[in-house]
């Protein structure tokens, strides 16, 4: 399987959310069920981008790296460049 870094998008909020997890199916269900405080207001969330890693640490490091950029343009570039 592996670990994932992902980018979600909420049309309702016109906002992106960056996270990491081990099981994408379970995680997107959690976000869209309203269980996650930080994404509750943006339901429904759509997966826009995922990256797969061998270790949890690498996935978390990538998540932090994307968040540190604090750039919507960078996030949108990642999404569009992945095609």
N, C-alpha and C. Protein backbone atom coordinates (compact mmCIF):
# COMPACT_ATOMS: atom_id res chain seq x y z
N UNK A 1 0.83 -1.19 0.00
CA UNK A 1 0.00 0.00 0.00
C UNK A 1 0.87 1.25 0.00
N UNK A 2 1.23 1.80 1.14
CA UNK A 2 2.04 3.00 1.20
C UNK A 2 1.36 4.10 1.99
N UNK A 3 1.93 5.27 1.92
CA UNK A 3 1.42 6.44 2.62
C UNK A 3 1.22 7.54 1.60
N UNK A 4 0.28 8.40 1.88
CA UNK A 4 -0.10 9.43 0.91
C UNK A 4 -0.02 10.83 1.48
N UNK A 5 0.35 11.75 0.61
CA UNK A 5 0.16 13.17 0.85
C UNK A 5 -0.89 13.57 -0.16
N UNK A 6 -1.88 14.34 0.29
CA UNK A 6 -2.99 14.65 -0.59
C UNK A 6 -3.41 16.11 -0.49
N UNK A 7 -4.07 16.55 -1.56
CA UNK A 7 -4.65 17.89 -1.59
C UNK A 7 -6.13 17.73 -1.91
N UNK A 8 -6.95 18.29 -1.03
CA UNK A 8 -8.40 18.29 -1.23
C UNK A 8 -8.84 19.70 -1.60
N UNK A 9 -9.99 19.78 -2.25
CA UNK A 9 -10.54 21.09 -2.60
C UNK A 9 -12.02 21.14 -2.24
N UNK A 10 -12.44 22.27 -1.67
CA UNK A 10 -13.84 22.52 -1.36
C UNK A 10 -14.34 23.65 -2.25
N UNK A 11 -15.30 23.34 -3.11
CA UNK A 11 -15.91 24.39 -3.94
C UNK A 11 -16.67 25.37 -3.05
N UNK A 12 -17.30 24.85 -2.04
CA UNK A 12 -18.10 25.66 -1.11
C UNK A 12 -17.27 26.79 -0.50
N UNK A 13 -16.04 26.48 -0.10
CA UNK A 13 -15.16 27.47 0.53
C UNK A 13 -14.13 28.05 -0.43
N UNK A 14 -14.01 27.44 -1.63
CA UNK A 14 -12.94 27.78 -2.58
C UNK A 14 -11.60 27.72 -1.85
N UNK A 15 -11.37 26.57 -1.22
CA UNK A 15 -10.19 26.39 -0.37
C UNK A 15 -9.58 25.00 -0.56
N UNK A 16 -8.25 24.95 -0.39
CA UNK A 16 -7.53 23.68 -0.45
C UNK A 16 -7.18 23.23 0.96
N UNK A 17 -7.06 21.91 1.11
CA UNK A 17 -6.63 21.32 2.37
C UNK A 17 -5.54 20.30 2.04
N UNK A 18 -4.43 20.37 2.76
CA UNK A 18 -3.31 19.45 2.54
C UNK A 18 -3.20 18.53 3.75
N UNK A 19 -3.03 17.23 3.50
CA UNK A 19 -2.90 16.29 4.60
C UNK A 19 -2.10 15.07 4.17
N UNK A 20 -1.95 14.13 5.10
CA UNK A 20 -1.28 12.86 4.80
C UNK A 20 -2.01 11.74 5.54
N UNK A 21 -1.91 10.52 5.01
CA UNK A 21 -2.62 9.40 5.61
C UNK A 21 -2.06 8.08 5.07
N UNK A 22 -2.61 7.00 5.59
CA UNK A 22 -2.23 5.68 5.09
C UNK A 22 -3.30 5.10 4.16
N UNK A 23 -4.56 5.46 4.37
CA UNK A 23 -5.66 4.92 3.57
C UNK A 23 -6.51 6.08 3.03
N UNK A 24 -6.36 6.38 1.74
CA UNK A 24 -7.06 7.52 1.14
C UNK A 24 -8.57 7.38 1.19
N UNK A 25 -9.08 6.19 0.92
CA UNK A 25 -10.54 5.99 0.92
C UNK A 25 -11.15 6.32 2.27
N UNK A 26 -10.54 5.80 3.32
CA UNK A 26 -11.03 6.05 4.68
C UNK A 26 -10.89 7.53 5.01
N UNK A 27 -9.78 8.12 4.65
CA UNK A 27 -9.53 9.52 5.01
C UNK A 27 -10.50 10.47 4.33
N UNK A 28 -10.78 10.29 3.05
CA UNK A 28 -11.72 11.19 2.36
C UNK A 28 -13.12 11.02 2.95
N UNK A 29 -13.47 9.80 3.34
CA UNK A 29 -14.77 9.57 3.99
C UNK A 29 -14.84 10.31 5.32
N UNK A 30 -13.73 10.31 6.07
CA UNK A 30 -13.70 11.03 7.34
C UNK A 30 -13.88 12.53 7.13
N UNK A 31 -13.18 13.07 6.13
CA UNK A 31 -13.31 14.50 5.84
C UNK A 31 -14.75 14.85 5.44
N UNK A 32 -15.34 14.02 4.61
CA UNK A 32 -16.68 14.32 4.11
C UNK A 32 -17.82 13.92 5.05
N UNK A 33 -17.49 13.26 6.15
CA UNK A 33 -18.52 12.91 7.13
C UNK A 33 -18.64 13.98 8.21
N UNK A 34 -17.74 14.95 8.19
CA UNK A 34 -17.80 16.02 9.17
C UNK A 34 -17.08 15.71 10.47
N UNK A 35 -16.33 14.63 10.51
CA UNK A 35 -15.61 14.24 11.73
C UNK A 35 -14.35 15.06 11.98
N UNK A 36 -13.83 15.66 10.92
CA UNK A 36 -12.60 16.44 11.05
C UNK A 36 -12.97 17.91 11.21
N UNK A 37 -12.63 18.48 12.35
CA UNK A 37 -12.98 19.86 12.69
C UNK A 37 -12.53 20.87 11.62
N UNK A 38 -11.33 20.68 11.11
CA UNK A 38 -10.77 21.67 10.18
C UNK A 38 -11.37 21.59 8.77
N UNK A 39 -12.07 20.51 8.43
CA UNK A 39 -12.66 20.41 7.09
C UNK A 39 -14.18 20.32 7.12
N UNK A 40 -14.75 20.31 8.29
CA UNK A 40 -16.19 20.15 8.48
C UNK A 40 -17.02 21.15 7.66
N UNK A 41 -16.60 22.40 7.63
CA UNK A 41 -17.36 23.45 6.96
C UNK A 41 -17.27 23.44 5.44
N UNK A 42 -16.40 22.62 4.88
CA UNK A 42 -16.19 22.64 3.44
C UNK A 42 -16.76 21.46 2.67
N UNK A 43 -17.52 20.63 3.33
CA UNK A 43 -18.08 19.43 2.71
C UNK A 43 -18.94 19.82 1.51
N UNK A 44 -18.81 19.15 0.37
CA UNK A 44 -17.98 17.99 0.10
C UNK A 44 -16.58 18.38 -0.37
N UNK A 45 -15.60 17.60 0.05
CA UNK A 45 -14.21 17.79 -0.37
C UNK A 45 -13.93 16.84 -1.52
N UNK A 46 -13.15 17.30 -2.48
CA UNK A 46 -12.76 16.48 -3.63
C UNK A 46 -11.24 16.29 -3.61
N UNK A 47 -10.80 15.08 -3.93
CA UNK A 47 -9.36 14.82 -4.02
C UNK A 47 -8.87 15.42 -5.33
N UNK A 48 -7.89 16.31 -5.24
CA UNK A 48 -7.34 16.96 -6.43
C UNK A 48 -5.94 16.46 -6.77
N UNK A 49 -5.22 15.94 -5.77
CA UNK A 49 -3.84 15.53 -6.01
C UNK A 49 -3.41 14.55 -4.91
N UNK A 50 -2.71 13.50 -5.30
CA UNK A 50 -2.12 12.58 -4.32
C UNK A 50 -0.70 12.23 -4.74
N UNK A 51 0.13 11.99 -3.76
CA UNK A 51 1.49 11.49 -3.98
C UNK A 51 1.68 10.31 -3.03
N UNK A 52 2.34 9.26 -3.49
CA UNK A 52 2.53 8.05 -2.70
C UNK A 52 3.97 7.95 -2.23
N UNK A 53 4.14 7.52 -0.98
CA UNK A 53 5.47 7.38 -0.37
C UNK A 53 5.57 6.05 0.36
N UNK A 54 6.79 5.59 0.54
CA UNK A 54 7.01 4.30 1.21
C UNK A 54 6.88 4.40 2.72
N UNK A 55 7.18 5.56 3.28
CA UNK A 55 7.12 5.70 4.74
C UNK A 55 6.20 6.84 5.15
N UNK A 56 5.66 6.72 6.34
CA UNK A 56 4.79 7.76 6.91
C UNK A 56 5.58 9.06 7.08
N UNK A 57 6.81 8.94 7.53
CA UNK A 57 7.65 10.12 7.75
C UNK A 57 7.85 10.92 6.46
N UNK A 58 8.07 10.23 5.35
CA UNK A 58 8.25 10.91 4.07
C UNK A 58 6.97 11.62 3.65
N UNK A 59 5.83 10.97 3.84
CA UNK A 59 4.54 11.58 3.49
C UNK A 59 4.29 12.83 4.33
N UNK A 60 4.57 12.74 5.62
CA UNK A 60 4.39 13.89 6.52
C UNK A 60 5.35 15.02 6.15
N UNK A 61 6.58 14.67 5.82
CA UNK A 61 7.57 15.69 5.41
C UNK A 61 7.10 16.42 4.16
N UNK A 62 6.53 15.69 3.22
CA UNK A 62 6.02 16.31 1.99
C UNK A 62 4.83 17.23 2.31
N UNK A 63 3.94 16.76 3.18
CA UNK A 63 2.80 17.58 3.61
C UNK A 63 3.28 18.90 4.21
N UNK A 64 4.24 18.82 5.10
CA UNK A 64 4.80 20.02 5.75
C UNK A 64 5.46 20.92 4.71
N UNK A 65 6.18 20.33 3.77
CA UNK A 65 6.84 21.10 2.72
C UNK A 65 5.85 21.90 1.88
N UNK A 66 4.74 21.28 1.53
CA UNK A 66 3.71 21.98 0.74
C UNK A 66 3.10 23.10 1.58
N UNK A 67 2.79 22.80 2.83
CA UNK A 67 2.17 23.80 3.71
C UNK A 67 3.10 24.99 3.96
N UNK A 68 4.40 24.73 4.07
CA UNK A 68 5.37 25.81 4.32
C UNK A 68 5.43 26.81 3.18
N UNK A 69 5.12 26.37 1.98
CA UNK A 69 5.13 27.27 0.82
C UNK A 69 4.06 28.36 0.95
N UNK A 70 2.97 28.03 1.65
CA UNK A 70 1.86 28.97 1.85
C UNK A 70 1.46 29.65 0.55
N UNK A 71 1.33 28.84 -0.50
CA UNK A 71 1.08 29.40 -1.82
C UNK A 71 -0.01 28.64 -2.56
N UNK A 72 -1.10 29.31 -2.82
CA UNK A 72 -2.18 28.73 -3.61
C UNK A 72 -1.69 28.44 -5.03
N UNK A 73 -0.86 29.35 -5.56
CA UNK A 73 -0.32 29.15 -6.91
C UNK A 73 0.49 27.86 -6.99
N UNK A 74 1.30 27.60 -5.97
CA UNK A 74 2.11 26.38 -5.94
C UNK A 74 1.20 25.14 -5.90
N UNK A 75 0.18 25.18 -5.07
CA UNK A 75 -0.76 24.07 -4.96
C UNK A 75 -1.44 23.82 -6.31
N UNK A 76 -1.89 24.89 -6.95
CA UNK A 76 -2.56 24.75 -8.24
C UNK A 76 -1.59 24.27 -9.32
N UNK A 77 -0.34 24.68 -9.22
CA UNK A 77 0.68 24.19 -10.15
C UNK A 77 0.89 22.68 -9.96
N UNK A 78 0.97 22.22 -8.70
CA UNK A 78 1.11 20.79 -8.42
C UNK A 78 -0.03 20.00 -9.04
N UNK A 79 -1.24 20.50 -8.83
CA UNK A 79 -2.43 19.82 -9.35
C UNK A 79 -2.40 19.76 -10.88
N UNK A 80 -2.10 20.87 -11.52
CA UNK A 80 -2.11 20.90 -12.99
C UNK A 80 -0.94 20.15 -13.60
N UNK A 81 0.20 20.14 -12.94
CA UNK A 81 1.37 19.45 -13.51
C UNK A 81 1.25 17.93 -13.39
N UNK A 82 0.43 17.46 -12.47
CA UNK A 82 0.24 16.02 -12.32
C UNK A 82 -0.66 15.46 -13.41
N UNK A 83 -1.42 16.36 -14.04
CA UNK A 83 -2.28 16.00 -15.18
C UNK A 83 -3.30 15.02 -14.84
